[in-house]
Amino acid sequence: MKQISLFSWSLIFVLFVVFLFTSGCSNHYVKLGKRCTKIASDNTYEKSFIWIVNKQNIGSFDHKINKDNCLKNGEKL
């Protein structure tokens, strides 16, 4: 019987966790990819690779939080 390597188990675990995150959201969408907010008045902004968005706000989400803001903020994509 062939053993499964540690890398394979790690990959299976990561895929399982991603599946749980993305499938358990009935009122939310999960957006993946680097996105940023605009710079606030106090020179701060938010960035993330995983965004959980309410379905009611999905229309305005891409206008407020997007990849273009990351470039404007000096982030590399």
PDB file of N, CA and C in Angstrom:
ATOM      1  N   MET A   1       0.839  -1.175   0.000  1.00  0.00           N
ATOM      2  CA  MET A   1       0.000   0.000   0.000  1.00  0.00           C
ATOM      3  C   MET A   1       0.890   1.246   0.000  1.00  0.00           C
ATOM      4  N   LYS A   2       0.595   2.170  -0.906  1.00  0.00           N
ATOM      5  CA  LYS A   2       1.411   3.367  -1.051  1.00  0.00           C
ATOM      6  C   LYS A   2       0.974   4.429  -0.037  1.00  0.00           C
ATOM      7  N   GLN A   3       1.962   5.071   0.617  1.00  0.00           N
ATOM      8  CA  GLN A   3       1.656   6.119   1.589  1.00  0.00           C
ATOM      9  C   GLN A   3       1.471   7.444   0.880  1.00  0.00           C
ATOM     10  N   ILE A   4       0.606   8.287   1.455  1.00  0.00           N
ATOM     11  CA  ILE A   4       0.398   9.639   0.940  1.00  0.00           C
ATOM     12  C   ILE A   4       1.388  10.555   1.634  1.00  0.00           C
ATOM     13  N   SER A   5       2.073  11.379   0.852  1.00  0.00           N
ATOM     14  CA  SER A   5       3.108  12.253   1.407  1.00  0.00           C
ATOM     15  C   SER A   5       2.485  13.383   2.231  1.00  0.00           C
ATOM     16  N   LEU A   6       3.320  14.013   3.027  1.00  0.00           N
ATOM     17  CA  LEU A   6       2.881  15.142   3.854  1.00  0.00           C
ATOM     18  C   LEU A   6       2.379  16.281   2.986  1.00  0.00           C
ATOM     19  N   PHE A   7       3.026  16.526   1.851  1.00  0.00           N
ATOM     20  CA  PHE A   7       2.585  17.574   0.933  1.00  0.00           C
ATOM     21  C   PHE A   7       1.170  17.299   0.432  1.00  0.00           C
ATOM     22  N   SER A   8       0.887  16.053   0.098  1.00  0.00           N
ATOM     23  CA  SER A   8      -0.449  15.697  -0.383  1.00  0.00           C
ATOM     24  C   SER A   8      -1.494  15.919   0.690  1.00  0.00           C
ATOM     25  N   TRP A   9      -1.176  15.548   1.924  1.00  0.00           N
ATOM     26  CA  TRP A   9      -2.123  15.768   3.021  1.00  0.00           C
ATOM     27  C   TRP A   9      -2.344  17.258   3.256  1.00  0.00           C
ATOM     28  N   SER A  10      -1.276  18.044   3.152  1.00  0.00           N
ATOM     29  CA  SER A  10      -1.393  19.488   3.326  1.00  0.00           C
ATOM     30  C   SER A  10      -2.273  20.086   2.238  1.00  0.00           C
ATOM     31  N   LEU A  11      -2.083  19.644   1.016  1.00  0.00           N
ATOM     32  CA  LEU A  11      -2.888  20.137  -0.094  1.00  0.00           C
ATOM     33  C   LEU A  11      -4.356  19.768   0.083  1.00  0.00           C
ATOM     34  N   ILE A  12      -4.617  18.557   0.500  1.00  0.00           N
ATOM     35  CA  ILE A  12      -5.990  18.118   0.754  1.00  0.00           C
ATOM     36  C   ILE A  12      -6.622  18.962   1.858  1.00  0.00           C
ATOM     37  N   PHE A  13      -5.879  19.234   2.905  1.00  0.00           N
ATOM     38  CA  PHE A  13      -6.385  20.045   4.013  1.00  0.00           C
ATOM     39  C   PHE A  13      -6.704  21.468   3.554  1.00  0.00           C
ATOM     40  N   VAL A  14      -5.810  22.084   2.806  1.00  0.00           N
ATOM     41  CA  VAL A  14      -6.026  23.450   2.330  1.00  0.00           C
ATOM     42  C   VAL A  14      -7.248  23.510   1.413  1.00  0.00           C
ATOM     43  N   LEU A  15      -7.377  22.568   0.514  1.00  0.00           N
ATOM     44  CA  LEU A  15      -8.542  22.535  -0.370  1.00  0.00           C
ATOM     45  C   LEU A  15      -9.835  22.342   0.410  1.00  0.00           C
ATOM     46  N   PHE A  16      -9.801  21.524   1.444  1.00  0.00           N
ATOM     47  CA  PHE A  16     -10.974  21.311   2.286  1.00  0.00           C
ATOM     48  C   PHE A  16     -11.372  22.597   3.011  1.00  0.00           C
ATOM     49  N   VAL A  17     -10.392  23.317   3.549  1.00  0.00           N
ATOM     50  CA  VAL A  17     -10.672  24.571   4.258  1.00  0.00           C
ATOM     51  C   VAL A  17     -11.242  25.610   3.297  1.00  0.00           C
ATOM     52  N   VAL A  18     -10.675  25.714   2.103  1.00  0.00           N
ATOM     53  CA  VAL A  18     -11.193  26.647   1.106  1.00  0.00           C
ATOM     54  C   VAL A  18     -12.622  26.272   0.736  1.00  0.00           C
ATOM     55  N   PHE A  19     -12.890  24.993   0.590  1.00  0.00           N
ATOM     56  CA  PHE A  19     -14.254  24.541   0.300  1.00  0.00           C
ATOM     57  C   PHE A  19     -15.218  24.950   1.408  1.00  0.00           C
ATOM     58  N   LEU A  20     -14.812  24.804   2.664  1.00  0.00           N
ATOM     59  CA  LEU A  20     -15.681  25.194   3.773  1.00  0.00           C
ATOM     60  C   LEU A  20     -15.961  26.691   3.763  1.00  0.00           C
ATOM     61  N   PHE A  21     -14.929  27.496   3.500  1.00  0.00           N
ATOM     62  CA  PHE A  21     -15.103  28.942   3.452  1.00  0.00           C
ATOM     63  C   PHE A  21     -16.063  29.357   2.348  1.00  0.00           C
ATOM     64  N   THR A  22     -15.915  28.757   1.186  1.00  0.00           N
ATOM     65  CA  THR A  22     -16.696  29.203   0.039  1.00  0.00           C
ATOM     66  C   THR A  22     -18.089  28.596  -0.022  1.00  0.00           C
ATOM     67  N   SER A  23     -18.303  27.443   0.550  1.00  0.00           N
ATOM     68  CA  SER A  23     -19.618  26.810   0.437  1.00  0.00           C
ATOM     69  C   SER A  23     -20.556  27.156   1.584  1.00  0.00           C
ATOM     70  N   GLY A  24     -20.032  27.622   2.686  1.00  0.00           N
ATOM     71  CA  GLY A  24     -20.876  27.908   3.845  1.00  0.00           C
ATOM     72  C   GLY A  24     -21.470  29.292   3.869  1.00  0.00           C
ATOM     73  N   CYS A  25     -21.365  30.024   2.796  1.00  0.00           N
ATOM     74  CA  CYS A  25     -21.830  31.411   2.786  1.00  0.00           C
ATOM     75  C   CYS A  25     -23.104  31.515   1.959  1.00  0.00           C
ATOM     76  N   SER A  26     -24.256  31.453   2.602  1.00  0.00           N
ATOM     77  CA  SER A  26     -25.505  31.537   1.858  1.00  0.00           C
ATOM     78  C   SER A  26     -25.914  32.978   1.592  1.00  0.00           C
ATOM     79  N   ASN A  27     -25.594  33.902   2.491  1.00  0.00           N
ATOM     80  CA  ASN A  27     -25.925  35.317   2.295  1.00  0.00           C
ATOM     81  C   ASN A  27     -24.719  36.120   1.854  1.00  0.00           C
ATOM     82  N   HIS A  28     -23.649  35.454   1.561  1.00  0.00           N
ATOM     83  CA  HIS A  28     -22.416  36.158   1.247  1.00  0.00           C
ATOM     84  C   HIS A  28     -21.733  35.550   0.026  1.00  0.00           C
ATOM     85  N   TYR A  29     -20.946  36.373  -0.618  1.00  0.00           N
ATOM     86  CA  TYR A  29     -20.041  35.905  -1.664  1.00  0.00           C
ATOM     87  C   TYR A  29     -18.631  35.952  -1.106  1.00  0.00           C
ATOM     88  N   VAL A  30     -17.800  35.067  -1.580  1.00  0.00           N
ATOM     89  CA  VAL A  30     -16.387  35.090  -1.216  1.00  0.00           C
ATOM     90  C   VAL A  30     -15.621  35.515  -2.460  1.00  0.00           C
ATOM     91  N   LYS A  31     -14.928  36.634  -2.354  1.00  0.00           N
ATOM     92  CA  LYS A  31     -14.123  37.141  -3.459  1.00  0.00           C
ATOM     93  C   LYS A  31     -12.662  36.870  -3.131  1.00  0.00           C
ATOM     94  N   LEU A  32     -11.958  36.265  -4.063  1.00  0.00           N
ATOM     95  CA  LEU A  32     -10.547  35.941  -3.869  1.00  0.00           C
ATOM     96  C   LEU A  32      -9.694  36.824  -4.764  1.00  0.00           C
ATOM     97  N   GLY A  33      -8.550  37.220  -4.277  1.00  0.00           N
ATOM     98  CA  GLY A  33      -7.628  38.052  -5.038  1.00  0.00           C
ATOM     99  C   GLY A  33      -7.310  39.321  -4.267  1.00  0.00           C
ATOM    100  N   LYS A  34      -6.144  39.849  -4.520  1.00  0.00           N
ATOM    101  CA  LYS A  34      -5.697  41.039  -3.801  1.00  0.00           C
ATOM    102  C   LYS A  34      -6.539  42.242  -4.209  1.00  0.00           C
ATOM    103  N   ARG A  35      -7.128  42.905  -3.216  1.00  0.00           N
ATOM    104  CA  ARG A  35      -7.931  44.101  -3.419  1.00  0.00           C
ATOM    105  C   ARG A  35      -7.668  45.056  -2.269  1.00  0.00           C
ATOM    106  N   CYS A  36      -7.835  46.340  -2.535  1.00  0.00           N
ATOM    107  CA  CYS A  36      -7.555  47.366  -1.529  1.00  0.00           C
ATOM    108  C   CYS A  36      -8.670  48.400  -1.502  1.00  0.00           C
ATOM    109  N   THR A  37      -8.786  49.089  -0.377  1.00  0.00           N
ATOM    110  CA  THR A  37      -9.692  50.228  -0.265  1.00  0.00           C
ATOM    111  C   THR A  37      -8.927  51.495  -0.622  1.00  0.00           C
ATOM    112  N   LYS A  38      -9.662  52.592  -0.761  1.00  0.00           N
ATOM    113  CA  LYS A  38      -9.023  53.880  -1.001  1.00  0.00           C
ATOM    114  C   LYS A  38      -8.335  54.333   0.280  1.00  0.00           C
ATOM    115  N   ILE A  39      -7.369  55.212   0.139  1.00  0.00           N
ATOM    116  CA  ILE A  39      -6.670  55.757   1.310  1.00  0.00           C
ATOM    117  C   ILE A  39      -7.624  56.670   2.066  1.00  0.00           C
ATOM    118  N   ALA A  40      -7.729  56.449   3.370  1.00  0.00           N
ATOM    119  CA  ALA A  40      -8.612  57.245   4.226  1.00  0.00           C
ATOM    120  C   ALA A  40      -7.928  58.561   4.598  1.00  0.00           C
ATOM    121  N   SER A  41      -8.660  59.403   5.317  1.00  0.00           N
ATOM    122  CA  SER A  41      -8.136  60.716   5.701  1.00  0.00           C
ATOM    123  C   SER A  41      -6.931  60.607   6.634  1.00  0.00           C
ATOM    124  N   ASP A  42      -6.801  59.492   7.347  1.00  0.00           N
ATOM    125  CA  ASP A  42      -5.665  59.317   8.256  1.00  0.00           C
ATOM    126  C   ASP A  42      -4.533  58.504   7.624  1.00  0.00           C
ATOM    127  N   ASN A  43      -4.510  58.436   6.280  1.00  0.00           N
ATOM    128  CA  ASN A  43      -3.456  57.770   5.514  1.00  0.00           C
ATOM    129  C   ASN A  43      -3.392  56.263   5.740  1.00  0.00           C
ATOM    130  N   THR A  44      -4.508  55.622   5.985  1.00  0.00           N
ATOM    131  CA  THR A  44      -4.554  54.168   6.141  1.00  0.00           C
ATOM    132  C   THR A  44      -5.473  53.574   5.078  1.00  0.00           C
ATOM    133  N   TYR A  45      -5.280  52.292   4.816  1.00  0.00           N
ATOM    134  CA  TYR A  45      -6.164  51.574   3.908  1.00  0.00           C
ATOM    135  C   TYR A  45      -6.140  50.099   4.273  1.00  0.00           C
ATOM    136  N   GLU A  46      -7.117  49.359   3.759  1.00  0.00           N
ATOM    137  CA  GLU A  46      -7.206  47.930   4.017  1.00  0.00           C
ATOM    138  C   GLU A  46      -6.838  47.168   2.749  1.00  0.00           C
ATOM    139  N   LYS A  47      -6.172  46.029   2.932  1.00  0.00           N
ATOM    140  CA  LYS A  47      -5.906  45.130   1.808  1.00  0.00           C
ATOM    141  C   LYS A  47      -6.074  43.700   2.289  1.00  0.00           C
ATOM    142  N   SER A  48      -6.522  42.848   1.363  1.00  0.00           N
ATOM    143  CA  SER A  48      -6.715  41.450   1.707  1.00  0.00           C
ATOM    144  C   SER A  48      -6.755  40.625   0.436  1.00  0.00           C
ATOM    145  N   PHE A  49      -6.574  39.320   0.592  1.00  0.00           N
ATOM    146  CA  PHE A  49      -6.687  38.390  -0.517  1.00  0.00           C
ATOM    147  C   PHE A  49      -8.023  37.649  -0.490  1.00  0.00           C
ATOM    148  N   ILE A  50      -8.713  37.678   0.660  1.00  0.00           N
ATOM    149  CA  ILE A  50     -10.013  37.020   0.806  1.00  0.00           C
ATOM    150  C   ILE A  50     -10.997  38.053   1.345  1.00  0.00           C
ATOM    151  N   TRP A  51     -12.070  38.286   0.601  1.00  0.00           N
ATOM    152  CA  TRP A  51     -13.095  39.238   1.015  1.00  0.00           C
ATOM    153  C   TRP A  51     -14.430  38.502   1.085  1.00  0.00           C
ATOM    154  N   ILE A  52     -15.134  38.647   2.183  1.00  0.00           N
ATOM    155  CA  ILE A  52     -16.472  38.077   2.341  1.00  0.00           C
ATOM    156  C   ILE A  52     -17.448  39.230   2.234  1.00  0.00           C
ATOM    157  N   VAL A  53     -18.306  39.193   1.190  1.00  0.00           N
ATOM    158  CA  VAL A  53     -19.165  40.316   0.844  1.00  0.00           C
ATOM    159  C   VAL A  53     -20.624  39.906   0.962  1.00  0.00           C
ATOM    160  N   ASN A  54     -21.408  40.739   1.622  1.00  0.00           N
ATOM    161  CA  ASN A  54     -22.844  40.530   1.727  1.00  0.00           C
ATOM    162  C   ASN A  54     -23.465  40.653   0.335  1.00  0.00           C
ATOM    163  N   LYS A  55     -24.438  39.799   0.018  1.00  0.00           N
ATOM    164  CA  LYS A  55     -25.056  39.821  -1.301  1.00  0.00           C
ATOM    165  C   LYS A  55     -25.741  41.154  -1.587  1.00  0.00           C
ATOM    166  N   GLN A  56     -26.206  41.855  -0.561  1.00  0.00           N
ATOM    167  CA  GLN A  56     -26.863  43.147  -0.755  1.00  0.00           C
ATOM    168  C   GLN A  56     -25.865  44.217  -1.190  1.00  0.00           C
ATOM    169  N   ASN A  57     -24.595  44.062  -0.859  1.00  0.00           N
ATOM    170  CA  ASN A  57     -23.578  45.068  -1.170  1.00  0.00           C
ATOM    171  C   ASN A  57     -22.694  44.687  -2.344  1.00  0.00           C
ATOM    172  N   ILE A  58     -23.013  43.611  -3.034  1.00  0.00           N
ATOM    173  CA  ILE A  58     -22.128  43.119  -4.087  1.00  0.00           C
ATOM    174  C   ILE A  58     -22.013  44.120  -5.234  1.00  0.00           C
ATOM    175  N   GLY A  59     -23.060  44.882  -5.507  1.00  0.00           N
ATOM    176  CA  GLY A  59     -23.036  45.848  -6.607  1.00  0.00           C
ATOM    177  C   GLY A  59     -22.049  46.976  -6.375  1.00  0.00           C
ATOM    178  N   SER A  60     -21.952  47.451  -5.149  1.00  0.00           N
ATOM    179  CA  SER A  60     -21.067  48.577  -4.858  1.00  0.00           C
ATOM    180  C   SER A  60     -19.675  48.131  -4.402  1.00  0.00           C
ATOM    181  N   PHE A  61     -19.501  46.854  -4.139  1.00  0.00           N
ATOM    182  CA  PHE A  61     -18.224  46.359  -3.622  1.00  0.00           C
ATOM    183  C   PHE A  61     -17.070  46.634  -4.584  1.00  0.00           C
ATOM    184  N   ASP A  62     -17.256  46.296  -5.865  1.00  0.00           N
ATOM    185  CA  ASP A  62     -16.169  46.436  -6.827  1.00  0.00           C
ATOM    186  C   ASP A  62     -15.808  47.897  -7.096  1.00  0.00           C
ATOM    187  N   HIS A  63     -16.722  48.811  -6.827  1.00  0.00           N
ATOM    188  CA  HIS A  63     -16.410  50.234  -7.002  1.00  0.00           C
ATOM    189  C   HIS A  63     -15.580  50.754  -5.837  1.00  0.00           C
ATOM    190  N   LYS A  64     -15.820  50.231  -4.650  1.00  0.00           N
ATOM    191  CA  LYS A  64     -15.140  50.718  -3.442  1.00  0.00           C
ATOM    192  C   LYS A  64     -13.820  49.986  -3.178  1.00  0.00           C
ATOM    193  N   ILE A  65     -13.805  48.681  -3.440  1.00  0.00           N
ATOM    194  CA  ILE A  65     -12.643  47.843  -3.111  1.00  0.00           C
ATOM    195  C   ILE A  65     -12.229  47.107  -4.380  1.00  0.00           C
ATOM    196  N   ASN A  66     -11.044  47.469  -4.910  1.00  0.00           N
ATOM    197  CA  ASN A  66     -10.623  46.878  -6.174  1.00  0.00           C
ATOM    198  C   ASN A  66      -9.103  46.891  -6.315  1.00  0.00           C
ATOM    199  N   LYS A  67      -8.619  46.302  -7.408  1.00  0.00           N
ATOM    200  CA  LYS A  67      -7.173  46.197  -7.657  1.00  0.00           C
ATOM    201  C   LYS A  67      -6.567  47.549  -8.019  1.00  0.00           C
ATOM    202  N   ASP A  68      -7.347  48.420  -8.655  1.00  0.00           N
ATOM    203  CA  ASP A  68      -6.833  49.741  -9.024  1.00  0.00           C
ATOM    204  C   ASP A  68      -6.433  50.543  -7.791  1.00  0.00           C
ATOM    205  N   ASN A  69      -7.187  50.393  -6.708  1.00  0.00           N
ATOM    206  CA  ASN A  69      -6.829  51.093  -5.470  1.00  0.00           C
ATOM    207  C   ASN A  69      -5.488  50.615  -4.935  1.00  0.00           C
ATOM    208  N   CYS A  70      -5.183  49.332  -5.117  1.00  0.00           N
ATOM    209  CA  CYS A  70      -3.884  48.810  -4.669  1.00  0.00           C
ATOM    210  C   CYS A  70      -2.748  49.508  -5.410  1.00  0.00           C
ATOM    211  N   LEU A  71      -2.920  49.674  -6.718  1.00  0.00           N
ATOM    212  CA  LEU A  71      -1.889  50.346  -7.505  1.00  0.00           C
ATOM    213  C   LEU A  71      -1.750  51.813  -7.087  1.00  0.00           C
ATOM    214  N   LYS A  72      -2.884  52.477  -6.855  1.00  0.00           N
ATOM    215  CA  LYS A  72      -2.858  53.879  -6.412  1.00  0.00           C
ATOM    216  C   LYS A  72      -2.210  54.019  -5.040  1.00  0.00           C
ATOM    217  N   ASN A  73      -2.366  53.015  -4.208  1.00  0.00           N
ATOM    218  CA  ASN A  73      -1.787  53.044  -2.853  1.00  0.00           C
ATOM    219  C   ASN A  73      -0.308  52.663  -2.839  1.00  0.00           C
ATOM    220  N   GLY A  74       0.234  52.279  -3.995  1.00  0.00           N
ATOM    221  CA  GLY A  74       1.641  51.923  -4.071  1.00  0.00           C
ATOM    222  C   GLY A  74       1.922  50.454  -3.857  1.00  0.00           C
ATOM    223  N   GLU A  75       0.899  49.621  -3.845  1.00  0.00           N
ATOM    224  CA  GLU A  75       1.076  48.180  -3.683  1.00  0.00           C
ATOM    225  C   GLU A  75       1.454  47.550  -5.017  1.00  0.00           C
ATOM    226  N   LYS A  76       2.164  46.450  -4.962  1.00  0.00           N
ATOM    227  CA  LYS A  76       2.479  45.671  -6.154  1.00  0.00           C
ATOM    228  C   LYS A  76       1.455  44.547  -6.260  1.00  0.00           C
ATOM    229  N   LEU A  77       1.015  44.264  -7.483  1.00  0.00           N
ATOM    230  CA  LEU A  77       0.055  43.179  -7.668  1.00  0.00           C
ATOM    231  C   LEU A  77       0.711  41.884  -7.930  1.00  0.00           C
TER     232      LEU A  77
END
